[in-house]
């Protein structure tokens, strides 16, 4: 949707609470307290100012309108997702 190449993105997996990792995790998998350190470790600019402005514009255009109806739709969507996870467990 944004037209950003994958080499200009960083994915981060953050586990809330006091998760215990049984094996060594890559640097982009962290506990809640570690995600800020990971983000701050990325100091190289990957996007130009123009690209950032363009991305902000696209997100603004695609964003659902703020309001009660959107909030209820979001809550229903999250409930559907979590219900699906419970069925898989």
C-alpha atoms as a PDB file:
ATOM      1  CA  UNK A   1       0.000   0.000   0.000  1.00  0.00           C
ATOM      2  CA  UNK A   2       2.825   2.412   0.829  1.00  0.00           C
ATOM      3  CA  UNK A   3       5.215   1.346  -1.914  1.00  0.00           C
ATOM      4  CA  UNK A   4       8.163   0.957   0.466  1.00  0.00           C
ATOM      5  CA  UNK A   5      10.804  -1.612  -0.388  1.00  0.00           C
ATOM      6  CA  UNK A   6      11.528  -4.219   2.266  1.00  0.00           C
ATOM      7  CA  UNK A   7      15.129  -3.082   2.620  1.00  0.00           C
ATOM      8  CA  UNK A   8      13.799   0.180   4.089  1.00  0.00           C
ATOM      9  CA  UNK A   9      11.727  -1.516   6.806  1.00  0.00           C
ATOM     10  CA  UNK A  10      12.564  -3.157  10.103  1.00  0.00           C
ATOM     11  CA  UNK A  11      10.197  -5.643  11.676  1.00  0.00           C
ATOM     12  CA  UNK A  12      10.090  -5.922  15.452  1.00  0.00           C
ATOM     13  CA  UNK A  13       8.442  -8.627  17.569  1.00  0.00           C
ATOM     14  CA  UNK A  14       7.743  -7.473  21.121  1.00  0.00           C
ATOM     15  CA  UNK A  15       6.572  -9.807  23.873  1.00  0.00           C
ATOM     16  CA  UNK A  16       4.729  -8.130  26.751  1.00  0.00           C
ATOM     17  CA  UNK A  17       5.352  -8.928  30.388  1.00  0.00           C
ATOM     18  CA  UNK A  18       8.159 -11.106  31.630  1.00  0.00           C
ATOM     19  CA  UNK A  19       8.418 -13.503  28.705  1.00  0.00           C
ATOM     20  CA  UNK A  20      11.181 -16.075  29.036  1.00  0.00           C
ATOM     21  CA  UNK A  21      12.980 -17.093  25.867  1.00  0.00           C
ATOM     22  CA  UNK A  22      14.195 -20.674  25.793  1.00  0.00           C
ATOM     23  CA  UNK A  23      16.604 -20.054  22.925  1.00  0.00           C
ATOM     24  CA  UNK A  24      18.673 -17.126  21.725  1.00  0.00           C
ATOM     25  CA  UNK A  25      16.450 -14.605  19.926  1.00  0.00           C
ATOM     26  CA  UNK A  26      17.438 -12.412  16.995  1.00  0.00           C
ATOM     27  CA  UNK A  27      17.935  -8.716  17.813  1.00  0.00           C
ATOM     28  CA  UNK A  28      14.483  -7.791  16.488  1.00  0.00           C
ATOM     29  CA  UNK A  29      12.684 -10.110  18.947  1.00  0.00           C
ATOM     30  CA  UNK A  30      12.529  -8.540  22.373  1.00  0.00           C
ATOM     31  CA  UNK A  31      10.598  -8.083  25.561  1.00  0.00           C
ATOM     32  CA  UNK A  32       8.593  -4.943  26.145  1.00  0.00           C
ATOM     33  CA  UNK A  33      11.456  -3.179  27.898  1.00  0.00           C
ATOM     34  CA  UNK A  34      13.891  -3.813  25.027  1.00  0.00           C
ATOM     35  CA  UNK A  35      12.063  -2.429  22.031  1.00  0.00           C
ATOM     36  CA  UNK A  36      13.135   1.188  22.608  1.00  0.00           C
ATOM     37  CA  UNK A  37      16.799   0.141  22.644  1.00  0.00           C
ATOM     38  CA  UNK A  38      16.256  -1.757  19.374  1.00  0.00           C
ATOM     39  CA  UNK A  39      14.562   1.212  17.709  1.00  0.00           C
ATOM     40  CA  UNK A  40      17.250   3.626  18.899  1.00  0.00           C
ATOM     41  CA  UNK A  41      19.940   1.316  17.521  1.00  0.00           C
ATOM     42  CA  UNK A  42      18.682   2.083  14.017  1.00  0.00           C
ATOM     43  CA  UNK A  43      20.388   5.401  13.269  1.00  0.00           C
ATOM     44  CA  UNK A  44      20.784   5.290   9.492  1.00  0.00           C
ATOM     45  CA  UNK A  45      18.146   7.285   7.609  1.00  0.00           C
ATOM     46  CA  UNK A  46      16.450   5.035   5.090  1.00  0.00           C
ATOM     47  CA  UNK A  47      13.802   7.407   3.737  1.00  0.00           C
ATOM     48  CA  UNK A  48      14.063  10.921   2.385  1.00  0.00           C
ATOM     49  CA  UNK A  49      11.967  13.697   3.893  1.00  0.00           C
ATOM     50  CA  UNK A  50       9.826  13.625   0.753  1.00  0.00           C
ATOM     51  CA  UNK A  51       9.225   9.885   1.097  1.00  0.00           C
ATOM     52  CA  UNK A  52       8.175  10.330   4.740  1.00  0.00           C
ATOM     53  CA  UNK A  53       5.736  13.098   3.767  1.00  0.00           C
ATOM     54  CA  UNK A  54       4.322  10.897   1.010  1.00  0.00           C
ATOM     55  CA  UNK A  55       3.842   7.973   3.406  1.00  0.00           C
ATOM     56  CA  UNK A  56       2.097  10.207   5.940  1.00  0.00           C
ATOM     57  CA  UNK A  57      -0.208  11.455   3.173  1.00  0.00           C
ATOM     58  CA  UNK A  58      -1.109   7.921   2.040  1.00  0.00           C
ATOM     59  CA  UNK A  59      -1.813   6.778   5.607  1.00  0.00           C
ATOM     60  CA  UNK A  60      -4.030   9.824   6.137  1.00  0.00           C
ATOM     61  CA  UNK A  61      -5.967   9.093   2.943  1.00  0.00           C
ATOM     62  CA  UNK A  62      -6.431   5.379   3.725  1.00  0.00           C
ATOM     63  CA  UNK A  63      -7.219   5.833   7.411  1.00  0.00           C
ATOM     64  CA  UNK A  64     -10.738   5.028   8.523  1.00  0.00           C
ATOM     65  CA  UNK A  65     -12.705   8.013   9.801  1.00  0.00           C
ATOM     66  CA  UNK A  66     -12.393   8.562  13.537  1.00  0.00           C
ATOM     67  CA  UNK A  67     -15.584   7.987  15.460  1.00  0.00           C
ATOM     68  CA  UNK A  68     -17.681   5.674  17.556  1.00  0.00           C
ATOM     69  CA  UNK A  69     -18.631   3.448  14.609  1.00  0.00           C
ATOM     70  CA  UNK A  70     -14.984   2.876  13.674  1.00  0.00           C
ATOM     71  CA  UNK A  71     -14.113   2.146  17.315  1.00  0.00           C
ATOM     72  CA  UNK A  72     -16.843  -0.510  17.551  1.00  0.00           C
ATOM     73  CA  UNK A  73     -15.732  -2.054  14.254  1.00  0.00           C
ATOM     74  CA  UNK A  74     -12.167  -2.222  15.568  1.00  0.00           C
ATOM     75  CA  UNK A  75     -13.246  -3.872  18.834  1.00  0.00           C
ATOM     76  CA  UNK A  76     -15.338  -6.428  16.913  1.00  0.00           C
ATOM     77  CA  UNK A  77     -12.386  -7.163  14.618  1.00  0.00           C
ATOM     78  CA  UNK A  78     -10.013  -7.723  17.556  1.00  0.00           C
ATOM     79  CA  UNK A  79     -12.582 -10.000  19.228  1.00  0.00           C
ATOM     80  CA  UNK A  80     -12.816 -12.035  16.012  1.00  0.00           C
ATOM     81  CA  UNK A  81      -9.041 -12.356  15.869  1.00  0.00           C
ATOM     82  CA  UNK A  82      -8.706 -13.448  19.498  1.00  0.00           C
ATOM     83  CA  UNK A  83     -11.615 -15.872  19.162  1.00  0.00           C
ATOM     84  CA  UNK A  84      -9.840 -17.445  16.187  1.00  0.00           C
ATOM     85  CA  UNK A  85      -6.664 -17.854  18.231  1.00  0.00           C
ATOM     86  CA  UNK A  86      -8.581 -19.550  21.027  1.00  0.00           C
ATOM     87  CA  UNK A  87     -10.010 -22.056  18.534  1.00  0.00           C
ATOM     88  CA  UNK A  88      -6.503 -22.864  17.307  1.00  0.00           C
ATOM     89  CA  UNK A  89      -5.133 -23.527  20.793  1.00  0.00           C
END
